[in-house]
Amino acid sequence: MLKIMYGLLSAKDGTTLWKQDTLLYRNLTVPVFWHDYIIVGDKEGYLHILSVKEGKLVGREKIGGDGIVVSPIVVDDVLYVSTSDGKVNRLYALNVILDEQHSLRRCV
């Protein structure tokens, strides 16, 4: 199993600003930055939403499929996520990214 820990380093001097080990052993995708968030997918089909400033896990959404193995992408402020079964999901950006339950809102 792949062990990945995310963290943020200072561009100024390389010191560690934060580390996030909550998602260890989840076989995560390459992260994508989306506004003030870092978004990663995992092998179970979940998107995980981390705060860029604190590294705190602020949300999680089950996208489905047989897992997410390709990094999500952002085009024109819309997040696209493809599951391993070929389903593509479009998700809203900006101020509607998280609702009160910290879930992503899907495009209709």
N, C-alpha and C. Protein backbone atom coordinates (compact mmCIF):
# COMPACT_ATOMS: atom_id res chain seq x y z
N MET A 1 0.82 -1.17 0.00
CA MET A 1 0.00 0.00 0.00
C MET A 1 0.87 1.25 0.00
N LEU A 2 0.41 2.25 -0.68
CA LEU A 2 1.17 3.49 -0.82
C LEU A 2 0.89 4.42 0.36
N LYS A 3 1.93 4.87 1.00
CA LYS A 3 1.80 5.79 2.13
C LYS A 3 2.13 7.19 1.65
N ILE A 4 1.15 8.09 1.67
CA ILE A 4 1.36 9.47 1.23
C ILE A 4 0.90 10.40 2.33
N MET A 5 1.76 11.34 2.69
CA MET A 5 1.39 12.38 3.64
C MET A 5 1.51 13.71 2.92
N TYR A 6 0.47 14.52 3.02
CA TYR A 6 0.50 15.83 2.41
C TYR A 6 1.02 16.84 3.40
N GLY A 7 1.64 17.87 2.87
CA GLY A 7 2.12 18.96 3.69
C GLY A 7 2.33 20.19 2.84
N LEU A 8 2.56 21.30 3.47
CA LEU A 8 2.80 22.55 2.76
C LEU A 8 4.09 23.14 3.28
N LEU A 9 4.97 23.46 2.35
CA LEU A 9 6.25 24.05 2.70
C LEU A 9 6.25 25.53 2.35
N SER A 10 6.97 26.30 3.12
CA SER A 10 7.10 27.73 2.87
C SER A 10 7.96 27.96 1.64
N ALA A 11 7.46 28.79 0.72
CA ALA A 11 8.24 29.13 -0.48
C ALA A 11 9.44 30.00 -0.09
N LYS A 12 9.33 30.68 1.03
CA LYS A 12 10.38 31.59 1.47
C LYS A 12 11.63 30.87 1.97
N ASP A 13 11.41 29.89 2.87
CA ASP A 13 12.58 29.24 3.47
C ASP A 13 12.50 27.71 3.53
N GLY A 14 11.43 27.12 2.99
CA GLY A 14 11.31 25.67 2.94
C GLY A 14 10.86 25.00 4.23
N THR A 15 10.51 25.79 5.24
CA THR A 15 10.04 25.19 6.48
C THR A 15 8.64 24.60 6.29
N THR A 16 8.34 23.60 7.08
CA THR A 16 7.03 22.95 7.01
C THR A 16 5.99 23.82 7.70
N LEU A 17 4.93 24.19 6.95
CA LEU A 17 3.85 24.99 7.52
C LEU A 17 2.79 24.11 8.15
N TRP A 18 2.51 22.96 7.54
CA TRP A 18 1.59 21.98 8.11
C TRP A 18 1.80 20.62 7.46
N LYS A 19 1.36 19.58 8.16
CA LYS A 19 1.36 18.21 7.65
C LYS A 19 -0.03 17.62 7.86
N GLN A 20 -0.42 16.72 6.97
CA GLN A 20 -1.74 16.07 7.07
C GLN A 20 -1.54 14.57 6.89
N ASP A 21 -1.79 13.80 7.95
CA ASP A 21 -1.60 12.35 7.85
C ASP A 21 -2.91 11.57 7.97
N THR A 22 -4.04 12.26 8.00
CA THR A 22 -5.35 11.61 8.11
C THR A 22 -5.63 10.67 6.94
N LEU A 23 -5.06 10.97 5.79
CA LEU A 23 -5.38 10.21 4.57
C LEU A 23 -4.31 9.19 4.20
N LEU A 24 -3.50 8.80 5.17
CA LEU A 24 -2.47 7.79 4.91
C LEU A 24 -3.12 6.49 4.41
N TYR A 25 -2.45 5.81 3.51
CA TYR A 25 -2.85 4.50 2.99
C TYR A 25 -4.15 4.51 2.17
N ARG A 26 -4.55 5.66 1.63
CA ARG A 26 -5.78 5.72 0.85
C ARG A 26 -5.51 5.73 -0.66
N ASN A 27 -4.27 5.55 -1.07
CA ASN A 27 -3.91 5.57 -2.50
C ASN A 27 -4.49 6.78 -3.19
N LEU A 28 -3.99 7.94 -2.82
CA LEU A 28 -4.52 9.21 -3.29
C LEU A 28 -4.01 9.59 -4.67
N THR A 29 -4.82 10.41 -5.35
CA THR A 29 -4.41 10.98 -6.63
C THR A 29 -3.45 12.13 -6.38
N VAL A 30 -2.89 12.64 -7.45
CA VAL A 30 -2.11 13.87 -7.37
C VAL A 30 -3.09 14.98 -6.97
N PRO A 31 -2.71 15.87 -6.05
CA PRO A 31 -3.63 16.91 -5.62
C PRO A 31 -3.83 17.99 -6.68
N VAL A 32 -4.98 18.65 -6.60
CA VAL A 32 -5.25 19.81 -7.44
C VAL A 32 -5.66 20.94 -6.51
N PHE A 33 -5.16 22.14 -6.78
CA PHE A 33 -5.53 23.32 -6.00
C PHE A 33 -6.74 23.97 -6.63
N TRP A 34 -7.74 24.27 -5.80
CA TRP A 34 -9.00 24.85 -6.27
C TRP A 34 -9.42 25.89 -5.25
N HIS A 35 -9.19 27.16 -5.56
CA HIS A 35 -9.44 28.27 -4.65
C HIS A 35 -8.60 28.07 -3.39
N ASP A 36 -9.22 28.01 -2.24
CA ASP A 36 -8.48 27.86 -0.99
C ASP A 36 -8.41 26.41 -0.53
N TYR A 37 -8.56 25.49 -1.47
CA TYR A 37 -8.63 24.07 -1.12
C TYR A 37 -7.65 23.24 -1.93
N ILE A 38 -7.29 22.11 -1.35
CA ILE A 38 -6.55 21.07 -2.05
C ILE A 38 -7.52 19.90 -2.16
N ILE A 39 -7.71 19.39 -3.37
CA ILE A 39 -8.65 18.30 -3.62
C ILE A 39 -7.86 17.07 -4.08
N VAL A 40 -8.13 15.93 -3.45
CA VAL A 40 -7.53 14.66 -3.87
C VAL A 40 -8.63 13.60 -3.91
N GLY A 41 -8.45 12.63 -4.79
CA GLY A 41 -9.35 11.49 -4.86
C GLY A 41 -8.67 10.27 -4.29
N ASP A 42 -9.46 9.21 -4.04
CA ASP A 42 -8.85 7.99 -3.54
C ASP A 42 -9.43 6.75 -4.23
N LYS A 43 -8.85 5.61 -3.92
CA LYS A 43 -9.19 4.35 -4.58
C LYS A 43 -10.60 3.86 -4.26
N GLU A 44 -11.24 4.44 -3.23
CA GLU A 44 -12.59 4.04 -2.86
C GLU A 44 -13.66 4.95 -3.47
N GLY A 45 -13.24 5.94 -4.27
CA GLY A 45 -14.19 6.82 -4.93
C GLY A 45 -14.56 8.07 -4.15
N TYR A 46 -13.76 8.44 -3.16
CA TYR A 46 -14.02 9.66 -2.39
C TYR A 46 -13.13 10.80 -2.86
N LEU A 47 -13.70 12.02 -2.82
CA LEU A 47 -12.91 13.24 -2.95
C LEU A 47 -12.70 13.77 -1.54
N HIS A 48 -11.49 14.18 -1.24
CA HIS A 48 -11.16 14.75 0.06
C HIS A 48 -10.78 16.20 -0.15
N ILE A 49 -11.27 17.08 0.73
CA ILE A 49 -11.08 18.51 0.59
C ILE A 49 -10.28 19.00 1.79
N LEU A 50 -9.11 19.56 1.51
CA LEU A 50 -8.23 20.07 2.56
C LEU A 50 -8.12 21.59 2.45
N SER A 51 -8.03 22.25 3.58
CA SER A 51 -7.77 23.68 3.62
C SER A 51 -6.31 23.93 3.28
N VAL A 52 -6.05 24.82 2.34
CA VAL A 52 -4.67 25.15 1.99
C VAL A 52 -3.97 25.80 3.17
N LYS A 53 -4.67 26.66 3.90
CA LYS A 53 -4.05 27.43 4.98
C LYS A 53 -3.65 26.57 6.16
N GLU A 54 -4.49 25.60 6.55
CA GLU A 54 -4.25 24.83 7.76
C GLU A 54 -3.94 23.37 7.52
N GLY A 55 -4.28 22.86 6.34
CA GLY A 55 -4.11 21.44 6.07
C GLY A 55 -5.21 20.59 6.66
N LYS A 56 -6.20 21.23 7.25
CA LYS A 56 -7.30 20.54 7.91
C LYS A 56 -8.22 19.90 6.86
N LEU A 57 -8.68 18.68 7.14
CA LEU A 57 -9.67 18.02 6.30
C LEU A 57 -11.00 18.70 6.56
N VAL A 58 -11.55 19.38 5.54
CA VAL A 58 -12.78 20.16 5.73
C VAL A 58 -13.98 19.55 5.03
N GLY A 59 -13.77 18.51 4.26
CA GLY A 59 -14.90 17.88 3.61
C GLY A 59 -14.52 16.61 2.89
N ARG A 60 -15.54 15.82 2.60
CA ARG A 60 -15.35 14.55 1.89
C ARG A 60 -16.64 14.25 1.16
N GLU A 61 -16.51 13.75 -0.06
CA GLU A 61 -17.69 13.44 -0.87
C GLU A 61 -17.47 12.13 -1.61
N LYS A 62 -18.42 11.21 -1.50
CA LYS A 62 -18.36 9.95 -2.25
C LYS A 62 -18.83 10.23 -3.67
N ILE A 63 -17.92 10.09 -4.61
CA ILE A 63 -18.23 10.32 -6.02
C ILE A 63 -18.77 9.05 -6.64
N GLY A 64 -18.29 7.92 -6.17
CA GLY A 64 -18.79 6.65 -6.67
C GLY A 64 -17.80 5.97 -7.57
N GLY A 65 -18.33 5.05 -8.36
CA GLY A 65 -17.47 4.30 -9.26
C GLY A 65 -16.58 3.33 -8.52
N ASP A 66 -15.59 2.87 -9.22
CA ASP A 66 -14.65 1.91 -8.67
C ASP A 66 -13.39 2.59 -8.15
N GLY A 67 -13.51 3.87 -7.80
CA GLY A 67 -12.37 4.62 -7.29
C GLY A 67 -11.96 5.73 -8.24
N ILE A 68 -11.15 6.62 -7.72
CA ILE A 68 -10.62 7.74 -8.51
C ILE A 68 -9.13 7.50 -8.61
N VAL A 69 -8.64 7.29 -9.81
CA VAL A 69 -7.22 6.98 -9.99
C VAL A 69 -6.49 8.06 -10.78
N VAL A 70 -7.22 9.00 -11.35
CA VAL A 70 -6.63 10.09 -12.12
C VAL A 70 -6.91 11.38 -11.37
N SER A 71 -5.93 12.26 -11.31
CA SER A 71 -6.10 13.52 -10.60
C SER A 71 -7.27 14.32 -11.15
N PRO A 72 -8.08 14.91 -10.27
CA PRO A 72 -9.13 15.82 -10.74
C PRO A 72 -8.49 16.99 -11.49
N ILE A 73 -9.25 17.64 -12.35
CA ILE A 73 -8.75 18.82 -13.06
C ILE A 73 -9.75 19.95 -12.92
N VAL A 74 -9.26 21.17 -13.08
CA VAL A 74 -10.11 22.36 -13.04
C VAL A 74 -10.04 23.04 -14.40
N VAL A 75 -11.20 23.28 -14.98
CA VAL A 75 -11.31 24.00 -16.26
C VAL A 75 -12.42 25.03 -16.10
N ASP A 76 -12.10 26.30 -16.37
CA ASP A 76 -13.08 27.38 -16.26
C ASP A 76 -13.80 27.35 -14.92
N ASP A 77 -13.05 27.14 -13.85
CA ASP A 77 -13.55 27.17 -12.48
C ASP A 77 -14.52 26.04 -12.16
N VAL A 78 -14.50 24.98 -12.94
CA VAL A 78 -15.31 23.79 -12.66
C VAL A 78 -14.36 22.63 -12.42
N LEU A 79 -14.62 21.87 -11.37
CA LEU A 79 -13.81 20.71 -11.03
C LEU A 79 -14.38 19.49 -11.74
N TYR A 80 -13.53 18.78 -12.47
CA TYR A 80 -13.94 17.55 -13.16
C TYR A 80 -13.22 16.37 -12.51
N VAL A 81 -13.99 15.33 -12.22
CA VAL A 81 -13.44 14.14 -11.60
C VAL A 81 -13.91 12.93 -12.40
N SER A 82 -12.97 12.08 -12.76
CA SER A 82 -13.29 10.87 -13.50
C SER A 82 -13.04 9.65 -12.61
N THR A 83 -14.04 8.78 -12.54
CA THR A 83 -13.86 7.56 -11.76
C THR A 83 -13.28 6.47 -12.65
N SER A 84 -12.78 5.41 -12.04
CA SER A 84 -12.13 4.36 -12.82
C SER A 84 -13.09 3.59 -13.71
N ASP A 85 -14.41 3.73 -13.46
CA ASP A 85 -15.37 3.08 -14.34
C ASP A 85 -15.78 3.98 -15.51
N GLY A 86 -15.09 5.14 -15.64
CA GLY A 86 -15.29 6.02 -16.80
C GLY A 86 -16.31 7.12 -16.61
N LYS A 87 -16.98 7.18 -15.47
CA LYS A 87 -17.96 8.23 -15.22
C LYS A 87 -17.24 9.55 -14.92
N VAL A 88 -17.70 10.64 -15.56
CA VAL A 88 -17.11 11.96 -15.32
C VAL A 88 -18.11 12.79 -14.54
N ASN A 89 -17.66 13.41 -13.47
CA ASN A 89 -18.50 14.26 -12.63
C ASN A 89 -18.03 15.70 -12.74
N ARG A 90 -18.99 16.63 -12.84
CA ARG A 90 -18.68 18.06 -12.81
C ARG A 90 -19.16 18.60 -11.47
N LEU A 91 -18.33 19.42 -10.83
CA LEU A 91 -18.68 19.96 -9.53
C LEU A 91 -18.49 21.47 -9.53
N TYR A 92 -19.40 22.18 -8.87
CA TYR A 92 -19.34 23.63 -8.78
C TYR A 92 -18.07 24.10 -8.07
N ALA A 93 -17.71 25.33 -8.35
CA ALA A 93 -16.56 25.94 -7.70
C ALA A 93 -17.00 27.15 -6.88
N LEU A 94 -16.04 27.90 -6.46
CA LEU A 94 -16.19 29.17 -5.77
C LEU A 94 -16.94 29.02 -4.45
N ASN A 95 -17.92 29.89 -4.19
CA ASN A 95 -18.53 29.93 -2.87
C ASN A 95 -19.53 28.83 -2.60
N VAL A 96 -19.82 27.98 -3.56
CA VAL A 96 -20.74 26.87 -3.30
C VAL A 96 -20.01 25.54 -3.19
N ILE A 97 -18.70 25.57 -3.08
CA ILE A 97 -17.95 24.32 -3.02
C ILE A 97 -18.39 23.46 -1.84
N LEU A 98 -18.64 24.06 -0.70
CA LEU A 98 -19.01 23.28 0.48
C LEU A 98 -20.34 23.79 1.03
N ASP A 99 -21.23 22.87 1.35
CA ASP A 99 -22.45 23.26 2.02
C ASP A 99 -22.23 23.11 3.53
N GLU A 100 -23.27 23.21 4.31
CA GLU A 100 -23.13 23.16 5.76
C GLU A 100 -22.58 21.83 6.26
N GLN A 101 -22.78 20.76 5.52
CA GLN A 101 -22.27 19.44 5.92
C GLN A 101 -20.90 19.17 5.31
N HIS A 102 -20.28 20.18 4.74
CA HIS A 102 -18.97 20.05 4.10
C HIS A 102 -18.98 19.04 2.96
N SER A 103 -20.05 19.07 2.18
CA SER A 103 -20.16 18.21 1.00
C SER A 103 -20.06 19.08 -0.24
N LEU A 104 -19.51 18.53 -1.29
CA LEU A 104 -19.45 19.24 -2.56
C LEU A 104 -20.83 19.28 -3.20
N ARG A 105 -21.14 20.35 -3.89
CA ARG A 105 -22.40 20.43 -4.61
C ARG A 105 -22.14 20.12 -6.08
N ARG A 106 -22.94 19.25 -6.63
CA ARG A 106 -22.77 18.82 -8.01
C ARG A 106 -23.47 19.75 -8.98
N CYS A 107 -22.90 19.86 -10.17
CA CYS A 107 -23.57 20.59 -11.25
C CYS A 107 -24.78 19.79 -11.69
N VAL A 108 -25.80 20.48 -12.14
CA VAL A 108 -27.00 19.80 -12.62
C VAL A 108 -26.90 19.59 -14.12
